[in-house]
Protein backbone atom coordinates (compact mmCIF):
# COMPACT_ATOMS: atom_id res chain seq x y z
CA MET A 1 -67.41 32.19 49.51
CA LYS A 2 -68.36 35.81 50.10
CA GLY A 3 -66.24 38.21 52.05
CA VAL A 4 -63.08 36.11 51.92
CA LYS A 5 -60.04 38.32 52.46
CA ARG A 6 -57.19 37.80 50.00
CA LEU A 7 -53.73 38.21 51.51
CA ALA A 8 -50.67 37.43 49.44
CA ALA A 9 -47.05 37.27 50.49
CA TRP A 10 -46.17 38.03 46.90
CA VAL A 11 -47.47 37.21 43.44
CA GLU A 12 -45.99 36.59 40.04
CA LEU A 13 -48.00 36.97 36.87
CA VAL A 14 -47.47 33.91 34.69
CA MET A 15 -47.50 34.02 30.88
CA GLY A 16 -49.55 37.22 30.80
CA ILE A 17 -52.80 35.30 30.79
CA GLY A 18 -54.22 35.92 34.19
CA ILE A 19 -52.86 32.99 36.18
CA VAL A 20 -51.11 34.28 39.28
CA SER A 21 -48.63 31.95 40.97
CA THR A 22 -48.74 32.38 44.73
CA PHE A 23 -46.45 31.15 47.44
CA PHE A 24 -47.99 31.26 50.88
CA TYR A 25 -46.52 29.89 54.04
CA GLY A 26 -49.64 27.89 54.83
CA CYS A 27 -49.72 25.82 51.63
CA SER A 28 -46.01 25.09 51.35
CA GLY A 29 -44.22 22.06 52.73
CA ASP A 30 -44.68 18.31 52.56
CA ASN A 31 -47.47 16.19 53.89
CA ASN A 32 -45.76 12.84 54.33
CA GLU A 33 -48.47 10.85 56.04
CA SER A 34 -48.88 7.28 54.91
CA PRO A 35 -52.19 6.29 53.32
CA GLU A 36 -54.86 4.66 55.45
CA TYR A 37 -56.33 1.34 54.30
CA LEU A 38 -60.15 1.45 54.20
CA GLY A 39 -60.75 -2.12 53.06
CA SER A 40 -62.06 -3.61 49.79
CA GLY A 41 -58.94 -2.45 47.94
CA TRP A 42 -59.33 1.24 48.81
CA TRP A 43 -56.68 3.53 50.32
CA LYS A 44 -57.22 7.02 51.72
CA TYR A 45 -54.63 9.76 51.09
CA GLU A 46 -54.74 13.06 52.95
CA VAL A 47 -53.74 15.60 50.29
CA LYS A 48 -53.78 19.10 51.77
CA PHE A 49 -50.20 20.46 51.93
CA GLY A 50 -48.85 22.39 54.88
CA TYR A 51 -51.50 24.15 56.93
CA CYS A 52 -53.99 24.33 54.08
CA GLU A 53 -57.30 22.55 54.07
CA ALA A 54 -58.34 21.13 50.70
CA GLU A 55 -61.54 20.55 48.78
CA TRP A 56 -60.97 18.18 45.86
CA HIS A 57 -63.92 18.35 43.50
CA THR A 58 -62.79 16.34 40.49
CA VAL A 59 -60.36 13.58 39.49
CA PHE A 60 -59.29 12.19 36.10
CA CYS A 61 -57.13 9.09 35.50
CA LEU A 62 -55.06 8.63 32.35
CA ASP A 63 -53.10 5.67 33.72
CA LYS A 64 -51.62 4.48 37.01
CA ASN A 65 -48.79 7.00 36.79
CA ASN A 66 -50.78 9.93 35.44
CA VAL A 67 -53.76 11.08 37.51
CA TRP A 68 -55.05 14.62 38.02
CA ALA A 69 -57.28 16.17 40.70
CA GLY A 70 -58.65 19.69 41.00
CA GLY A 71 -60.34 21.89 43.57
CA ILE A 72 -59.11 24.49 46.05
CA LEU A 73 -56.64 24.89 48.90
CA ILE A 74 -57.77 27.09 51.80
CA ASP A 75 -54.90 28.93 53.50
CA ASP A 76 -55.71 30.30 56.98
CA SER A 77 -52.11 31.05 57.97
CA HIS A 78 -52.30 34.80 57.15
CA GLY A 79 -56.02 35.51 57.11
CA THR A 80 -57.97 33.35 54.67
CA THR A 81 -56.87 32.95 51.06
CA ILE A 82 -58.43 30.63 48.51
CA HIS A 83 -55.99 28.96 46.11
CA THR A 84 -57.18 27.46 42.85
CA ALA A 85 -55.43 24.08 42.86
CA ILE A 86 -54.63 21.25 40.47
CA VAL A 87 -52.48 18.34 41.66
CA HIS A 88 -50.83 15.47 39.80
CA TRP A 89 -50.12 11.87 40.77
CA ASP A 90 -47.00 10.41 39.10
CA GLY A 91 -47.26 6.93 40.58
CA TYR A 92 -45.26 7.88 43.67
CA GLY A 93 -46.90 10.94 45.17
CA TRP A 94 -49.23 13.90 44.73
CA ASN A 95 -47.51 17.08 43.52
CA ILE A 96 -48.98 20.55 43.10
CA SER A 97 -49.22 21.57 39.45
CA ILE A 98 -51.19 24.80 39.97
CA ASP A 99 -51.37 26.74 43.23
CA THR A 100 -52.78 30.15 42.29
CA VAL A 101 -55.18 32.84 43.39
CA MET A 102 -57.77 33.69 40.74
CA GLU A 103 -60.43 36.35 40.65
CA GLY A 104 -63.63 35.11 42.26
CA GLU A 105 -61.87 32.41 44.26
CA GLU A 106 -62.11 29.97 41.38
CA THR A 107 -62.61 26.29 42.28
CA ILE A 108 -61.71 23.61 39.73
CA SER A 109 -64.94 21.66 39.29
CA SER A 110 -64.15 19.42 36.31
CA LEU A 111 -61.14 17.91 34.51
CA PHE A 112 -61.00 16.14 31.15
CA PHE A 113 -58.03 14.80 29.17
CA LEU A 114 -57.94 13.75 25.54
CA ALA A 115 -54.24 12.86 25.86
CA PRO A 116 -51.39 13.42 28.33
CA ASP A 117 -50.59 16.71 26.55
CA ASN A 118 -54.18 17.81 25.95
CA GLY A 119 -56.13 18.46 29.13
CA TRP A 120 -58.95 20.80 30.13
CA ALA A 121 -60.04 22.20 33.48
CA LEU A 122 -63.22 24.13 34.24
CA GLY A 123 -63.67 26.49 37.15
CA ILE A 124 -66.94 26.84 38.99
CA HIS A 125 -67.02 30.59 38.15
CA GLY A 126 -66.35 30.07 34.45
CA LYS A 127 -62.56 30.04 33.96
CA LEU A 128 -61.46 27.48 31.34
CA LEU A 129 -57.86 26.21 31.46
CA HIS A 130 -55.89 24.08 29.01
CA TYR A 131 -52.86 21.84 29.61
CA ASP A 132 -50.32 21.33 26.80
CA GLY A 133 -48.17 18.73 28.54
CA GLN A 134 -46.08 21.33 30.35
CA THR A 135 -48.22 24.21 31.56
CA TRP A 136 -51.78 25.02 32.54
CA SER A 137 -53.06 28.31 31.09
CA VAL A 138 -56.35 30.17 31.09
CA VAL A 139 -57.78 30.09 27.55
CA ASP A 140 -61.29 31.44 28.09
CA SER A 141 -63.66 32.83 30.69
CA PHE A 142 -67.44 32.55 30.70
CA LYS A 143 -69.47 35.02 32.75
CA GLY A 144 -73.15 35.07 33.63
CA TYR A 145 -74.03 31.44 33.00
CA GLY A 146 -74.22 30.16 36.56
CA TRP A 147 -71.97 27.46 38.01
CA GLY A 148 -69.41 25.78 35.79
CA ASN A 149 -70.18 22.11 36.34
CA LYS A 150 -68.62 19.90 33.65
CA VAL A 151 -66.26 19.93 30.68
CA PHE A 152 -66.33 16.97 28.28
CA PHE A 153 -64.67 16.20 24.93
CA LEU A 154 -65.47 13.58 22.30
CA SER A 155 -62.52 14.72 20.18
CA GLU A 156 -60.29 17.74 19.64
CA ASN A 157 -63.06 19.26 17.51
CA ASP A 158 -66.05 18.26 19.59
CA GLY A 159 -66.22 19.57 23.14
CA TRP A 160 -68.96 20.55 25.58
CA ILE A 161 -69.23 22.66 28.71
CA VAL A 162 -72.25 22.48 31.01
CA PHE A 163 -73.10 25.42 33.25
CA SER A 164 -76.08 25.50 35.57
CA ASP A 165 -77.76 28.00 33.20
CA ALA A 166 -76.23 27.26 29.79
CA VAL A 167 -74.45 24.75 27.55
CA PHE A 168 -71.57 25.54 25.19
CA HIS A 169 -70.19 23.52 22.26
CA TYR A 170 -66.64 23.60 20.87
CA ASP A 171 -65.97 22.93 17.16
CA GLY A 172 -62.19 23.01 17.31
CA SER A 173 -61.85 26.76 16.96
CA CYS A 174 -64.44 28.49 19.15
CA TRP A 175 -67.11 27.93 21.79
CA SER A 176 -70.74 28.64 20.87
CA LEU A 177 -73.81 28.87 23.10
CA VAL A 178 -76.35 26.08 22.58
CA ASN A 179 -79.92 27.35 22.18
CA THR A 180 -81.31 27.49 25.72
CA SER A 181 -84.73 26.45 24.44
CA ASP A 182 -83.15 23.10 23.50
CA VAL A 183 -81.25 22.60 26.76
CA PRO A 184 -81.08 25.35 29.40
CA GLY A 185 -78.09 24.02 31.35
CA GLY A 186 -77.42 21.22 33.79
CA ASN A 187 -75.17 19.53 36.32
CA ASP A 188 -73.39 16.83 34.31
CA ILE A 189 -72.86 15.58 30.76
CA ASP A 190 -71.65 12.31 29.26
CA PHE A 191 -71.58 10.65 25.84
CA SER A 192 -71.33 7.02 24.83
CA SER A 193 -70.81 8.10 21.20
CA GLU A 194 -71.17 11.18 19.02
CA ASN A 195 -74.82 10.21 18.51
CA ASP A 196 -75.69 9.38 22.10
CA GLY A 197 -75.25 12.05 24.74
CA TRP A 198 -76.94 12.97 28.00
CA ILE A 199 -77.22 16.10 30.14
CA THR A 200 -78.78 15.89 33.56
CA GLY A 201 -79.97 18.74 35.75
CA SER A 202 -83.44 19.78 36.80
CA CYS A 203 -84.51 17.66 33.80
CA LEU A 204 -82.84 15.01 31.64
CA TYR A 205 -81.85 15.72 28.03
CA HIS A 206 -80.71 13.36 25.26
CA TRP A 207 -78.53 14.09 22.22
CA ASP A 208 -79.16 12.05 19.05
CA GLY A 209 -76.30 13.46 17.01
CA SER A 210 -78.05 16.62 15.89
CA THR A 211 -80.59 17.72 18.52
CA TRP A 212 -81.04 17.89 22.28
CA SER A 213 -84.49 16.81 23.47
CA MET A 214 -85.98 16.49 26.94
CA VAL A 215 -86.64 12.99 28.30
CA ASP A 216 -89.92 13.37 30.19
CA THR A 217 -90.10 9.79 31.48
CA VAL A 218 -87.37 10.20 34.10
CA HIS A 219 -86.25 12.94 36.45
CA GLY A 220 -82.92 14.71 36.07
CA GLY A 221 -80.22 14.70 38.71
CA SER A 222 -76.68 15.61 39.65
CA ALA A 223 -74.66 12.95 37.78
CA VAL A 224 -74.77 10.87 34.60
CA ASP A 225 -72.59 8.05 33.23
CA ALA A 226 -73.27 6.71 29.73
CA TRP A 227 -71.38 3.56 28.82
CA ASP A 228 -73.37 2.83 25.67
CA SER A 229 -76.89 3.49 24.37
CA ASN A 230 -78.17 0.53 26.41
CA ASP A 231 -76.38 1.29 29.68
CA VAL A 232 -76.89 4.74 31.22
CA TRP A 233 -76.94 5.69 34.91
CA ILE A 234 -78.42 8.85 36.44
CA GLY A 235 -77.72 9.86 40.04
CA ALA A 236 -79.95 12.27 41.97
CA ASP A 237 -81.04 12.99 45.53
CA TYR A 238 -81.31 9.55 47.17
CA LEU A 239 -82.25 7.93 43.84
CA THR A 240 -80.51 6.36 40.84
CA SER A 241 -82.06 5.56 37.47
CA HIS A 242 -80.75 3.03 34.96
CA TRP A 243 -81.57 2.88 31.23
CA ASP A 244 -81.13 -0.52 29.54
CA GLY A 245 -82.14 0.62 26.06
CA GLN A 246 -85.79 -0.26 26.58
CA SER A 247 -86.91 1.12 29.93
CA TRP A 248 -85.81 2.84 33.13
CA SER A 249 -85.27 1.09 36.45
CA TYR A 250 -85.04 2.93 39.76
CA TYR A 251 -82.97 2.19 42.85
CA GLY A 252 -82.90 4.11 46.11
CA VAL A 253 -79.61 5.09 47.70
CA PRO A 254 -79.07 6.53 51.20
CA VAL A 255 -77.05 9.56 50.02
CA TRP A 256 -77.34 12.58 47.78
CA VAL A 257 -75.39 11.44 44.71
CA ASN A 258 -72.41 13.59 43.65
CA ASP A 259 -71.05 11.25 40.97
CA VAL A 260 -71.75 7.87 39.40
CA PHE A 261 -69.25 5.78 37.42
CA ARG A 262 -69.72 2.47 35.58
CA VAL A 263 -66.50 0.47 35.98
CA THR A 264 -67.74 -2.76 34.33
CA SER A 265 -71.13 -4.17 33.37
CA ASP A 266 -71.48 -5.66 36.85
CA ARG A 267 -69.70 -2.97 38.83
CA VAL A 268 -71.10 0.55 39.18
CA LEU A 269 -69.94 3.02 41.82
CA LEU A 270 -71.42 6.21 43.23
CA CYS A 271 -70.35 8.72 45.82
CA GLY A 272 -72.08 11.32 47.92
CA PHE A 273 -71.69 13.03 51.28
CA THR A 274 -69.04 10.94 53.03
CA SER A 275 -69.51 7.49 51.50
CA LEU A 276 -68.83 5.46 48.38
CA HIS A 277 -71.29 2.76 47.28
CA SER A 278 -71.28 -0.16 44.85
CA PHE A 279 -74.29 -1.63 43.01
CA ASN A 280 -74.75 -5.39 43.47
CA GLY A 281 -77.40 -5.86 40.77
CA SER A 282 -80.39 -5.05 42.92
CA ARG A 283 -79.32 -2.45 45.49
CA TRP A 284 -76.49 -0.14 46.57
CA ILE A 285 -74.00 -1.37 49.19
CA GLU A 286 -71.68 0.97 51.11
CA VAL A 287 -68.00 0.25 50.34
CA PHE A 288 -66.50 2.75 52.79
CA ASP A 289 -67.16 5.94 54.71
CA GLY A 290 -64.42 8.39 53.82
CA GLY A 291 -64.92 10.79 56.70
CA GLY A 292 -65.63 13.74 54.39
CA THR A 293 -67.65 14.67 51.31
CA ILE A 294 -66.73 12.60 48.23
CA ASN A 295 -67.32 14.43 44.95
CA SER A 296 -65.91 12.51 42.00
CA ILE A 297 -64.92 9.02 40.76
CA HIS A 298 -62.79 8.02 37.76
CA PHE A 299 -61.25 4.65 36.81
CA VAL A 300 -58.64 3.62 34.25
CA ASP A 301 -59.93 0.03 34.21
CA SER A 302 -61.55 -2.43 36.60
CA SER A 303 -58.41 -2.69 38.75
CA TYR A 304 -57.39 0.94 39.18
CA GLY A 305 -59.14 4.23 39.95
CA TRP A 306 -59.48 7.24 42.24
CA ALA A 307 -62.17 9.20 44.05
CA ALA A 308 -61.88 12.85 45.13
CA GLY A 309 -63.22 14.47 48.29
CA TRP A 310 -62.59 17.14 50.89
CA ASN A 311 -58.98 16.87 52.11
CA TYR A 312 -58.74 13.30 50.82
CA LEU A 313 -58.11 11.41 47.61
CA TYR A 314 -59.04 7.73 47.58
CA ASN A 315 -57.20 5.12 45.53
CA TYR A 316 -58.42 1.70 44.39
CA ASP A 317 -55.48 -0.44 43.30
CA TYR A 318 -56.53 -4.07 43.18
CA GLY A 319 -53.78 -6.47 44.25
CA ASN A 320 -51.33 -3.72 45.17
CA GLU A 321 -50.68 -1.88 48.40
CA PRO A 322 -49.69 1.74 47.63
CA GLN A 323 -46.84 2.92 49.82
CA ALA A 324 -46.22 6.29 48.17
CA LEU A 325 -46.11 9.47 50.21
CA ILE A 326 -47.62 12.85 49.43
CA ARG A 327 -45.02 15.41 48.60
CA ARG A 328 -44.73 19.04 47.51
CA PHE A 329 -41.94 20.51 45.38
């Protein structure tokens, strides 16, 4: 977002690590609107706080009382200021965990948690944050590798970051650049096991436990979900591809795919533009139109999950009617 003017009422440097807490008039205050029921078990929450608009790019569910979403808040109350934002759902409401201004107008593009006290957040311009159960802090910054698209961990000693122009691997102590001749970067990454990983971008790449190799029988895309070695979904522009362990099948979809998530063997979801779709075994069926771009899906189990989009977060809670309100402390 070039040429955006940063105006701060006042700032406080936190922990000496480059996170600046900001308190602007526009992003303060409660947003106590009740959720809107969309049908099919889905509820729509407007999560934008005060006068700020919001773009939620990623969501991660640990359980029904511990859900995280990341993106930006856009404050137009005193000029235009971009706030890096991470919010937390405690089972009752959405609360701001980080509301800061970072260099380059950093947008949180990906979240991943190994445990409630071990979380990671990646910014689109390369900032990497870690959560220790109490505080988010910047732990690294990657420059010159394009967009920061996805952070993923198999264990505390086995992590991956995918940029548009590079891939990094974490061994528990440091991040190292993966040889770009093996995999030059991508949009998304997922693993079903330490010996079965996938990166999708302009091409599709597979990890066999030791080496990344290009899969030349199928196009890449914007999203990948790998449940096991016999059940992998790729989402692209108006097309999805499914690997059953033997061959690829292809299914058209009427949206550009932002994310795809396998909930159960007979329930796969995808989102893109303003709508969320479900696969019925032969084709994609629209579940709802959210009224804004939907970027990310994550489920705890078959009965509970969230999707993230611009200004809105969408909750699926089968058998329950959420009555919580959005609040800001």
